[in-house]
PDB file of N, CA and C in Angstrom:
ATOM      1  N   MET A   1     -14.651   9.056   4.991  1.00  0.00           N
ATOM      2  CA  MET A   1     -15.800   8.092   5.402  1.00  0.00           C
ATOM      3  C   MET A   1     -15.899   8.184   6.961  1.00  0.00           C
ATOM      4  N   CYS A   2     -14.850   8.327   7.505  1.00  0.00           N
ATOM      5  CA  CYS A   2     -14.999   8.245   9.092  1.00  0.00           C
ATOM      6  C   CYS A   2     -15.866   9.337   9.706  1.00  0.00           C
ATOM      7  N   PRO A   3     -15.949  10.566   9.296  1.00  0.00           N
ATOM      8  CA  PRO A   3     -16.806  11.550   9.879  1.00  0.00           C
ATOM      9  C   PRO A   3     -18.308  11.156   9.426  1.00  0.00           C
ATOM     10  N   LYS A   4     -18.523  10.525   8.352  1.00  0.00           N
ATOM     11  CA  LYS A   4     -19.851  10.281   7.974  1.00  0.00           C
ATOM     12  C   LYS A   4     -20.451   9.209   8.864  1.00  0.00           C
ATOM     13  N   ILE A   5     -19.625   8.348   9.578  1.00  0.00           N
ATOM     14  CA  ILE A   5     -20.123   7.349  10.400  1.00  0.00           C
ATOM     15  C   ILE A   5     -20.002   7.801  11.844  1.00  0.00           C
ATOM     16  N   GLY A   6     -19.690   8.980  12.151  1.00  0.00           N
ATOM     17  CA  GLY A   6     -19.614   9.382  13.502  1.00  0.00           C
ATOM     18  C   GLY A   6     -18.250   9.479  14.308  1.00  0.00           C
ATOM     19  N   VAL A   7     -17.269   9.225  13.427  1.00  0.00           N
ATOM     20  CA  VAL A   7     -15.904   9.166  14.096  1.00  0.00           C
ATOM     21  C   VAL A   7     -15.484  10.550  14.253  1.00  0.00           C
ATOM     22  N   ASN A   8     -15.040  10.928  15.541  1.00  0.00           N
ATOM     23  CA  ASN A   8     -14.606  12.343  15.722  1.00  0.00           C
ATOM     24  C   ASN A   8     -13.276  12.543  16.090  1.00  0.00           C
ATOM     25  N   ALA A   9     -12.469  11.469  16.073  1.00  0.00           N
ATOM     26  CA  ALA A   9     -10.920  11.418  16.060  1.00  0.00           C
ATOM     27  C   ALA A   9     -10.398  10.294  15.250  1.00  0.00           C
ATOM     28  N   PHE A  10      -9.403  10.442  14.631  1.00  0.00           N
ATOM     29  CA  PHE A  10      -8.754   9.433  13.872  1.00  0.00           C
ATOM     30  C   PHE A  10      -7.405   9.559  13.825  1.00  0.00           C
ATOM     31  N   SER A  11      -6.597   8.507  13.740  1.00  0.00           N
ATOM     32  CA  SER A  11      -5.115   8.583  13.589  1.00  0.00           C
ATOM     33  C   SER A  11      -4.656   7.551  12.521  1.00  0.00           C
ATOM     34  N   TYR A  12      -3.491   7.886  11.891  1.00  0.00           N
ATOM     35  CA  TYR A  12      -3.068   6.855  10.987  1.00  0.00           C
ATOM     36  C   TYR A  12      -1.461   7.001  11.017  1.00  0.00           C
ATOM     37  N   SER A  13      -0.708   6.075  10.515  1.00  0.00           N
ATOM     38  CA  SER A  13       0.737   5.854  10.430  1.00  0.00           C
ATOM     39  C   SER A  13       1.071   5.399   9.232  1.00  0.00           C
ATOM     40  N   PRO A  14       2.446   5.499   8.726  1.00  0.00           N
ATOM     41  CA  PRO A  14       2.919   5.002   7.536  1.00  0.00           C
ATOM     42  C   PRO A  14       3.175   3.526   7.832  1.00  0.00           C
ATOM     43  N   ILE A  15       3.487   2.692   6.783  1.00  0.00           N
ATOM     44  CA  ILE A  15       3.885   1.328   6.833  1.00  0.00           C
ATOM     45  C   ILE A  15       5.260   1.192   7.528  1.00  0.00           C
ATOM     46  N   LEU A  16       5.272   0.593   8.687  1.00  0.00           N
ATOM     47  CA  LEU A  16       6.609   0.374   9.427  1.00  0.00           C
ATOM     48  C   LEU A  16       7.115  -0.896   9.029  1.00  0.00           C
ATOM     49  N   PRO A  17       8.461  -1.110   9.128  1.00  0.00           N
ATOM     50  CA  PRO A  17       9.107  -2.271   8.624  1.00  0.00           C
ATOM     51  C   PRO A  17       9.040  -3.398   9.709  1.00  0.00           C
ATOM     52  N   PHE A  18       7.907  -3.956   9.970  1.00  0.00           N
ATOM     53  CA  PHE A  18       7.898  -5.134  10.662  1.00  0.00           C
ATOM     54  C   PHE A  18       6.622  -5.868  10.335  1.00  0.00           C
ATOM     55  N   GLY A  19       6.449  -7.076  10.763  1.00  0.00           N
ATOM     56  CA  GLY A  19       5.340  -7.779  10.338  1.00  0.00           C
ATOM     57  C   GLY A  19       5.315  -8.149   8.884  1.00  0.00           C
ATOM     58  N   LYS A  20       4.228  -7.985   8.251  1.00  0.00           N
ATOM     59  CA  LYS A  20       4.233  -8.156   6.822  1.00  0.00           C
ATOM     60  C   LYS A  20       5.012  -7.357   5.954  1.00  0.00           C
ATOM     61  N   ALA A  21       5.435  -6.282   6.644  1.00  0.00           N
ATOM     62  CA  ALA A  21       6.350  -5.222   5.896  1.00  0.00           C
ATOM     63  C   ALA A  21       7.792  -5.364   6.411  1.00  0.00           C
ATOM     64  N   CYS A  22       8.144  -6.474   7.056  1.00  0.00           N
ATOM     65  CA  CYS A  22       9.517  -6.560   7.537  1.00  0.00           C
ATOM     66  C   CYS A  22      10.558  -6.316   6.548  1.00  0.00           C
ATOM     67  N   ASP A  23      10.342  -6.754   5.281  1.00  0.00           N
ATOM     68  CA  ASP A  23      11.399  -6.709   4.287  1.00  0.00           C
ATOM     69  C   ASP A  23      11.301  -5.274   3.435  1.00  0.00           C
ATOM     70  N   TYR A  24      10.251  -4.391   3.948  1.00  0.00           N
ATOM     71  CA  TYR A  24      10.176  -3.105   3.261  1.00  0.00           C
ATOM     72  C   TYR A  24      11.411  -2.114   3.478  1.00  0.00           C
ATOM     73  N   ILE A  25      12.088  -1.540   2.616  1.00  0.00           N
ATOM     74  CA  ILE A  25      13.062  -0.532   2.903  1.00  0.00           C
ATOM     75  C   ILE A  25      12.740   0.774   2.353  1.00  0.00           C
ATOM     76  N   TRP A  26      12.577   1.783   3.153  1.00  0.00           N
ATOM     77  CA  TRP A  26      12.223   3.160   2.850  1.00  0.00           C
ATOM     78  C   TRP A  26      13.205   3.604   1.815  1.00  0.00           C
ATOM     79  N   GLN A  27      12.722   4.283   0.648  1.00  0.00           N
ATOM     80  CA  GLN A  27      13.509   4.871  -0.136  1.00  0.00           C
ATOM     81  C   GLN A  27      13.190   6.520   0.072  1.00  0.00           C
ATOM     82  N   TYR A  28      14.150   7.344  -0.423  1.00  0.00           N
ATOM     83  CA  TYR A  28      14.048   8.777  -0.383  1.00  0.00           C
ATOM     84  C   TYR A  28      12.669   9.286  -0.927  1.00  0.00           C
ATOM     85  N   GLU A  29      12.303   8.657  -2.169  1.00  0.00           N
ATOM     86  CA  GLU A  29      11.158   9.018  -2.856  1.00  0.00           C
ATOM     87  C   GLU A  29       9.823   8.685  -2.013  1.00  0.00           C
ATOM     88  N   ASP A  30       9.946   7.510  -1.281  1.00  0.00           N
ATOM     89  CA  ASP A  30       8.896   7.174  -0.444  1.00  0.00           C
ATOM     90  C   ASP A  30       8.684   8.295   0.738  1.00  0.00           C
ATOM     91  N   ILE A  31       9.669   8.695   1.325  1.00  0.00           N
ATOM     92  CA  ILE A  31       9.544   9.730   2.384  1.00  0.00           C
ATOM     93  C   ILE A  31       8.968  11.125   1.705  1.00  0.00           C
ATOM     94  N   VAL A  32       9.398  11.532   0.608  1.00  0.00           N
ATOM     95  CA  VAL A  32       8.822  12.655  -0.032  1.00  0.00           C
ATOM     96  C   VAL A  32       7.419  12.552  -0.271  1.00  0.00           C
ATOM     97  N   ARG A  33       6.989  11.276  -0.805  1.00  0.00           N
ATOM     98  CA  ARG A  33       5.629  11.159  -1.180  1.00  0.00           C
ATOM     99  C   ARG A  33       4.683  11.066   0.175  1.00  0.00           C
ATOM    100  N   LEU A  34       5.209  10.368   1.128  1.00  0.00           N
ATOM    101  CA  LEU A  34       4.656  10.339   2.405  1.00  0.00           C
ATOM    102  C   LEU A  34       4.326  11.803   3.010  1.00  0.00           C
ATOM    103  N   SER A  35       5.346  12.516   2.840  1.00  0.00           N
ATOM    104  CA  SER A  35       5.267  13.971   3.300  1.00  0.00           C
ATOM    105  C   SER A  35       4.139  14.709   2.605  1.00  0.00           C
ATOM    106  N   GLU A  36       4.155  14.528   1.185  1.00  0.00           N
ATOM    107  CA  GLU A  36       3.002  15.216   0.301  1.00  0.00           C
ATOM    108  C   GLU A  36       1.629  14.544   0.860  1.00  0.00           C
ATOM    109  N   GLU A  37       1.562  13.263   1.054  1.00  0.00           N
ATOM    110  CA  GLU A  37       0.257  12.735   1.390  1.00  0.00           C
ATOM    111  C   GLU A  37      -0.216  13.163   2.839  1.00  0.00           C
ATOM    112  N   ASP A  38       0.733  13.241   3.618  1.00  0.00           N
ATOM    113  CA  ASP A  38       0.368  13.746   5.100  1.00  0.00           C
ATOM    114  C   ASP A  38       0.007  15.252   4.960  1.00  0.00           C
ATOM    115  N   LYS A  39       0.547  16.042   4.079  1.00  0.00           N
ATOM    116  CA  LYS A  39       0.001  17.471   3.925  1.00  0.00           C
ATOM    117  C   LYS A  39      -1.350  17.459   3.526  1.00  0.00           C
ATOM    118  N   TYR A  40      -1.735  16.567   2.526  1.00  0.00           N
ATOM    119  CA  TYR A  40      -3.044  16.474   1.923  1.00  0.00           C
ATOM    120  C   TYR A  40      -4.034  16.072   3.033  1.00  0.00           C
ATOM    121  N   VAL A  41      -3.647  15.043   3.868  1.00  0.00           N
ATOM    122  CA  VAL A  41      -4.576  14.425   4.751  1.00  0.00           C
ATOM    123  C   VAL A  41      -4.831  15.609   5.903  1.00  0.00           C
ATOM    124  N   LYS A  42      -3.662  16.275   6.277  1.00  0.00           N
ATOM    125  CA  LYS A  42      -3.839  17.180   7.246  1.00  0.00           C
ATOM    126  C   LYS A  42      -4.789  18.431   6.879  1.00  0.00           C
ATOM    127  N   GLU A  43      -4.570  18.843   5.633  1.00  0.00           N
ATOM    128  CA  GLU A  43      -5.407  20.038   4.936  1.00  0.00           C
ATOM    129  C   GLU A  43      -6.954  19.398   4.988  1.00  0.00           C
ATOM    130  N   LYS A  44      -7.135  18.257   4.435  1.00  0.00           N
ATOM    131  CA  LYS A  44      -8.538  17.818   4.238  1.00  0.00           C
ATOM    132  C   LYS A  44      -9.303  17.207   5.682  1.00  0.00           C
ATOM    133  N   TYR A  45      -8.474  16.656   6.423  1.00  0.00           N
ATOM    134  CA  TYR A  45      -9.006  15.990   7.670  1.00  0.00           C
ATOM    135  C   TYR A  45      -8.462  16.466   9.016  1.00  0.00           C
ATOM    136  N   GLY A  46      -7.803  17.606   8.987  1.00  0.00           N
ATOM    137  CA  GLY A  46      -7.053  18.051  10.034  1.00  0.00           C
ATOM    138  C   GLY A  46      -8.020  18.282  11.386  1.00  0.00           C
ATOM    139  N   HIS A  47      -9.263  18.453  10.996  1.00  0.00           N
ATOM    140  CA  HIS A  47     -10.235  18.624  12.073  1.00  0.00           C
ATOM    141  C   HIS A  47     -10.617  17.403  12.865  1.00  0.00           C
ATOM    142  N   ILE A  48     -10.210  16.273  12.426  1.00  0.00           N
ATOM    143  CA  ILE A  48     -10.452  15.011  13.112  1.00  0.00           C
ATOM    144  C   ILE A  48      -9.191  14.171  13.454  1.00  0.00           C
ATOM    145  N   ILE A  49      -8.101  14.597  12.950  1.00  0.00           N
ATOM    146  CA  ILE A  49      -6.790  13.962  13.314  1.00  0.00           C
ATOM    147  C   ILE A  49      -5.958  14.951  14.247  1.00  0.00           C
ATOM    148  N   PRO A  50      -5.755  14.519  15.451  1.00  0.00           N
ATOM    149  CA  PRO A  50      -4.980  15.358  16.269  1.00  0.00           C
ATOM    150  C   PRO A  50      -3.435  15.261  15.860  1.00  0.00           C
ATOM    151  N   TYR A  51      -2.907  16.324  15.823  1.00  0.00           N
ATOM    152  CA  TYR A  51      -1.331  16.449  15.605  1.00  0.00           C
ATOM    153  C   TYR A  51      -0.621  17.097  16.745  1.00  0.00           C
ATOM    154  N   ILE A  52       0.121  16.278  17.190  1.00  0.00           N
ATOM    155  CA  ILE A  52       0.946  16.677  18.361  1.00  0.00           C
ATOM    156  C   ILE A  52       2.419  16.933  18.036  1.00  0.00           C
ATOM    157  N   GLN A  53       2.873  17.999  18.227  1.00  0.00           N
ATOM    158  CA  GLN A  53       4.453  18.293  17.920  1.00  0.00           C
ATOM    159  C   GLN A  53       5.220  17.499  19.087  1.00  0.00           C
ATOM    160  N   LEU A  54       6.417  17.207  18.598  1.00  0.00           N
ATOM    161  CA  LEU A  54       7.188  16.558  19.666  1.00  0.00           C
ATOM    162  C   LEU A  54       7.520  17.213  20.731  1.00  0.00           C
ATOM    163  N   LYS A  55       7.557  18.591  20.883  1.00  0.00           N
ATOM    164  CA  LYS A  55       7.856  19.395  22.098  1.00  0.00           C
ATOM    165  C   LYS A  55       6.474  19.304  23.028  1.00  0.00           C
ATOM    166  N   GLU A  56       5.382  19.349  22.225  1.00  0.00           N
ATOM    167  CA  GLU A  56       4.127  19.208  23.091  1.00  0.00           C
ATOM    168  C   GLU A  56       3.973  17.716  23.659  1.00  0.00           C
ATOM    169  N   PHE A  57       4.547  16.800  22.905  1.00  0.00           N
ATOM    170  CA  PHE A  57       4.379  15.486  23.316  1.00  0.00           C
ATOM    171  C   PHE A  57       5.144  15.194  24.550  1.00  0.00           C
ATOM    172  N   ASN A  58       6.301  15.866  24.605  1.00  0.00           N
ATOM    173  CA  ASN A  58       7.308  15.629  25.815  1.00  0.00           C
ATOM    174  C   ASN A  58       6.685  16.495  26.997  1.00  0.00           C
ATOM    175  N   ARG A  59       6.359  17.751  26.535  1.00  0.00           N
ATOM    176  CA  ARG A  59       5.838  18.581  27.723  1.00  0.00           C
ATOM    177  C   ARG A  59       4.715  18.066  28.503  1.00  0.00           C
ATOM    178  N   GLU A  60       3.785  17.482  27.794  1.00  0.00           N
ATOM    179  CA  GLU A  60       2.588  17.106  28.442  1.00  0.00           C
ATOM    180  C   GLU A  60       2.561  15.502  28.884  1.00  0.00           C
ATOM    181  N   TYR A  61       3.906  14.967  28.876  1.00  0.00           N
ATOM    182  CA  TYR A  61       4.351  13.710  29.427  1.00  0.00           C
ATOM    183  C   TYR A  61       3.190  12.643  28.910  1.00  0.00           C
ATOM    184  N   ILE A  62       2.835  12.826  27.638  1.00  0.00           N
ATOM    185  CA  ILE A  62       2.055  11.876  27.028  1.00  0.00           C
ATOM    186  C   ILE A  62       2.706  10.460  26.870  1.00  0.00           C
ATOM    187  N   ASN A  63       4.023  10.582  26.679  1.00  0.00           N
ATOM    188  CA  ASN A  63       4.853   9.447  26.537  1.00  0.00           C
ATOM    189  C   ASN A  63       5.038   8.498  27.794  1.00  0.00           C
ATOM    190  N   ARG A  64       4.430   8.969  28.866  1.00  0.00           N
ATOM    191  CA  ARG A  64       4.470   8.106  30.174  1.00  0.00           C
ATOM    192  C   ARG A  64       3.803   6.753  29.913  1.00  0.00           C
ATOM    193  N   ASN A  65       2.737   6.773  29.133  1.00  0.00           N
ATOM    194  CA  ASN A  65       2.046   5.485  29.018  1.00  0.00           C
ATOM    195  C   ASN A  65       1.724   5.457  27.460  1.00  0.00           C
ATOM    196  N   CYS A  66       1.912   4.248  26.906  1.00  0.00           N
ATOM    197  CA  CYS A  66       1.515   4.062  25.447  1.00  0.00           C
ATOM    198  C   CYS A  66       0.061   4.155  25.026  1.00  0.00           C
ATOM    199  N   GLY A  67      -0.766   3.794  26.186  1.00  0.00           N
ATOM    200  CA  GLY A  67      -2.157   4.029  25.780  1.00  0.00           C
ATOM    201  C   GLY A  67      -2.807   2.685  25.398  1.00  0.00           C
ATOM    202  N   VAL A  68      -2.149   1.554  25.395  1.00  0.00           N
ATOM    203  CA  VAL A  68      -2.564   0.278  25.030  1.00  0.00           C
ATOM    204  C   VAL A  68      -4.026   0.129  25.515  1.00  0.00           C
ATOM    205  N   SER A  69      -4.973   0.024  24.546  1.00  0.00           N
ATOM    206  CA  SER A  69      -6.376  -0.447  24.900  1.00  0.00           C
ATOM    207  C   SER A  69      -7.127   0.547  25.770  1.00  0.00           C
ATOM    208  N   TRP A  70      -6.654   1.395  26.386  1.00  0.00           N
ATOM    209  CA  TRP A  70      -7.428   2.514  27.154  1.00  0.00           C
ATOM    210  C   TRP A  70      -7.464   3.920  26.281  1.00  0.00           C
ATOM    211  N   LYS A  71      -6.644   3.920  25.536  1.00  0.00           N
ATOM    212  CA  LYS A  71      -6.544   5.272  24.748  1.00  0.00           C
ATOM    213  C   LYS A  71      -6.742   5.013  23.296  1.00  0.00           C
ATOM    214  N   TYR A  72      -6.297   3.850  22.801  1.00  0.00           N
ATOM    215  CA  TYR A  72      -6.543   3.667  21.333  1.00  0.00           C
ATOM    216  C   TYR A  72      -6.444   2.206  21.060  1.00  0.00           C
ATOM    217  N   ILE A  73      -6.832   1.889  19.862  1.00  0.00           N
ATOM    218  CA  ILE A  73      -6.775   0.465  19.401  1.00  0.00           C
ATOM    219  C   ILE A  73      -6.310   0.503  17.939  1.00  0.00           C
ATOM    220  N   VAL A  74      -6.052  -0.681  17.516  1.00  0.00           N
ATOM    221  CA  VAL A  74      -5.556  -0.775  15.906  1.00  0.00           C
ATOM    222  C   VAL A  74      -6.471  -1.701  15.296  1.00  0.00           C
ATOM    223  N   ILE A  75      -6.907  -1.260  14.123  1.00  0.00           N
ATOM    224  CA  ILE A  75      -7.533  -2.233  13.154  1.00  0.00           C
ATOM    225  C   ILE A  75      -6.741  -2.473  12.045  1.00  0.00           C
ATOM    226  N   ASP A  76      -6.223  -3.635  11.781  1.00  0.00           N
ATOM    227  CA  ASP A  76      -5.454  -4.008  10.779  1.00  0.00           C
ATOM    228  C   ASP A  76      -5.905  -4.099   9.580  1.00  0.00           C
ATOM    229  N   PRO A  77      -5.167  -4.511   8.525  1.00  0.00           N
ATOM    230  CA  PRO A  77      -5.671  -4.578   7.085  1.00  0.00           C
ATOM    231  C   PRO A  77      -6.587  -5.876   6.961  1.00  0.00           C
ATOM    232  N   GLN A  78      -6.568  -6.702   7.927  1.00  0.00           N
ATOM    233  CA  GLN A  78      -7.513  -7.789   7.947  1.00  0.00           C
ATOM    234  C   GLN A  78      -8.793  -7.687   8.788  1.00  0.00           C
ATOM    235  N   PHE A  79      -8.995  -6.352   9.199  1.00  0.00           N
ATOM    236  CA  PHE A  79      -9.823  -5.939  10.193  1.00  0.00           C
ATOM    237  C   PHE A  79      -9.783  -6.720  11.573  1.00  0.00           C
ATOM    238  N   TYR A  80      -8.814  -7.098  11.898  1.00  0.00           N
ATOM    239  CA  TYR A  80      -8.545  -7.790  13.200  1.00  0.00           C
ATOM    240  C   TYR A  80      -8.297  -6.400  14.167  1.00  0.00           C
ATOM    241  N   VAL A  81      -9.017  -6.381  15.329  1.00  0.00           N
ATOM    242  CA  VAL A  81      -8.656  -5.364  16.266  1.00  0.00           C
ATOM    243  C   VAL A  81      -7.689  -5.779  17.395  1.00  0.00           C
ATOM    244  N   ARG A  82      -6.637  -4.926  17.354  1.00  0.00           N
ATOM    245  CA  ARG A  82      -5.521  -5.205  18.372  1.00  0.00           C
ATOM    246  C   ARG A  82      -5.257  -4.037  19.246  1.00  0.00           C
ATOM    247  N   PRO A  83      -4.627  -4.410  20.482  1.00  0.00           N
ATOM    248  CA  PRO A  83      -4.431  -3.235  21.311  1.00  0.00           C
ATOM    249  C   PRO A  83      -3.354  -2.266  20.914  1.00  0.00           C
ATOM    250  N   CYS A  84      -2.575  -2.745  19.971  1.00  0.00           N
ATOM    251  CA  CYS A  84      -1.270  -2.004  19.648  1.00  0.00           C
ATOM    252  C   CYS A  84      -0.860  -2.508  18.313  1.00  0.00           C
ATOM    253  N   VAL A  85      -0.204  -1.592  17.475  1.00  0.00           N
ATOM    254  CA  VAL A  85       0.336  -2.059  16.141  1.00  0.00           C
ATOM    255  C   VAL A  85       1.301  -2.943  16.496  1.00  0.00           C
ATOM    256  N   MET A  86       2.031  -3.036  17.474  1.00  0.00           N
ATOM    257  CA  MET A  86       3.195  -3.880  17.781  1.00  0.00           C
ATOM    258  C   MET A  86       2.669  -5.277  18.313  1.00  0.00           C
ATOM    259  N   ALA A  87       1.465  -5.425  18.673  1.00  0.00           N
ATOM    260  CA  ALA A  87       0.907  -6.612  19.132  1.00  0.00           C
ATOM    261  C   ALA A  87       0.852  -7.760  18.150  1.00  0.00           C
ATOM    262  N   ASP A  88       1.295  -8.888  18.551  1.00  0.00           N
ATOM    263  CA  ASP A  88       1.385 -10.076  17.647  1.00  0.00           C
ATOM    264  C   ASP A  88      -0.034 -10.541  17.147  1.00  0.00           C
ATOM    265  N   PRO A  89      -0.225 -10.324  15.712  1.00  0.00           N
ATOM    266  CA  PRO A  89      -1.576 -10.686  15.171  1.00  0.00           C
ATOM    267  C   PRO A  89      -1.892 -12.112  15.371  1.00  0.00           C
ATOM    268  N   LYS A  90      -1.127 -13.014  15.673  1.00  0.00           N
ATOM    269  CA  LYS A  90      -1.331 -14.399  15.862  1.00  0.00           C
ATOM    270  C   LYS A  90      -1.920 -14.484  17.432  1.00  0.00           C
ATOM    271  N   LYS A  91      -1.797 -13.532  18.187  1.00  0.00           N
ATOM    272  CA  LYS A  91      -2.417 -13.597  19.588  1.00  0.00           C
ATOM    273  C   LYS A  91      -3.398 -12.496  19.705  1.00  0.00           C
ATOM    274  N   ILE A  92      -4.449 -12.468  18.708  1.00  0.00           N
ATOM    275  CA  ILE A  92      -5.459 -11.472  18.660  1.00  0.00           C
ATOM    276  C   ILE A  92      -6.343 -11.675  19.967  1.00  0.00           C
ATOM    277  N   LEU A  93      -6.509 -10.489  20.622  1.00  0.00           N
ATOM    278  CA  LEU A  93      -7.320 -10.615  21.858  1.00  0.00           C
ATOM    279  C   LEU A  93      -8.874 -10.287  21.527  1.00  0.00           C
ATOM    280  N   TRP A  94      -9.175  -9.558  20.463  1.00  0.00           N
ATOM    281  CA  TRP A  94     -10.629  -9.342  20.291  1.00  0.00           C
ATOM    282  C   TRP A  94     -11.038  -9.748  18.885  1.00  0.00           C
TER     283      TRP A  94
END
């Protein structure tokens, strides 16, 4: 759907064990399924999802700044826009 509405770059991440998922415990099967899903998404949508290998990430010094609000934003499951996935949803800025 994103390309149909003009999105030319997109990112995603798995459920991480904090916030509403703080009690979630990853199982081996979860990691295997996540890997399979990631391969599917990469094949189908690789043209709009930038993939950076760890060595490229470090080499280009991308990790000097996390990019909060100037580089990306997060839209959570309730459609609240936050500057970072780690931002407290109770202190929504937008």
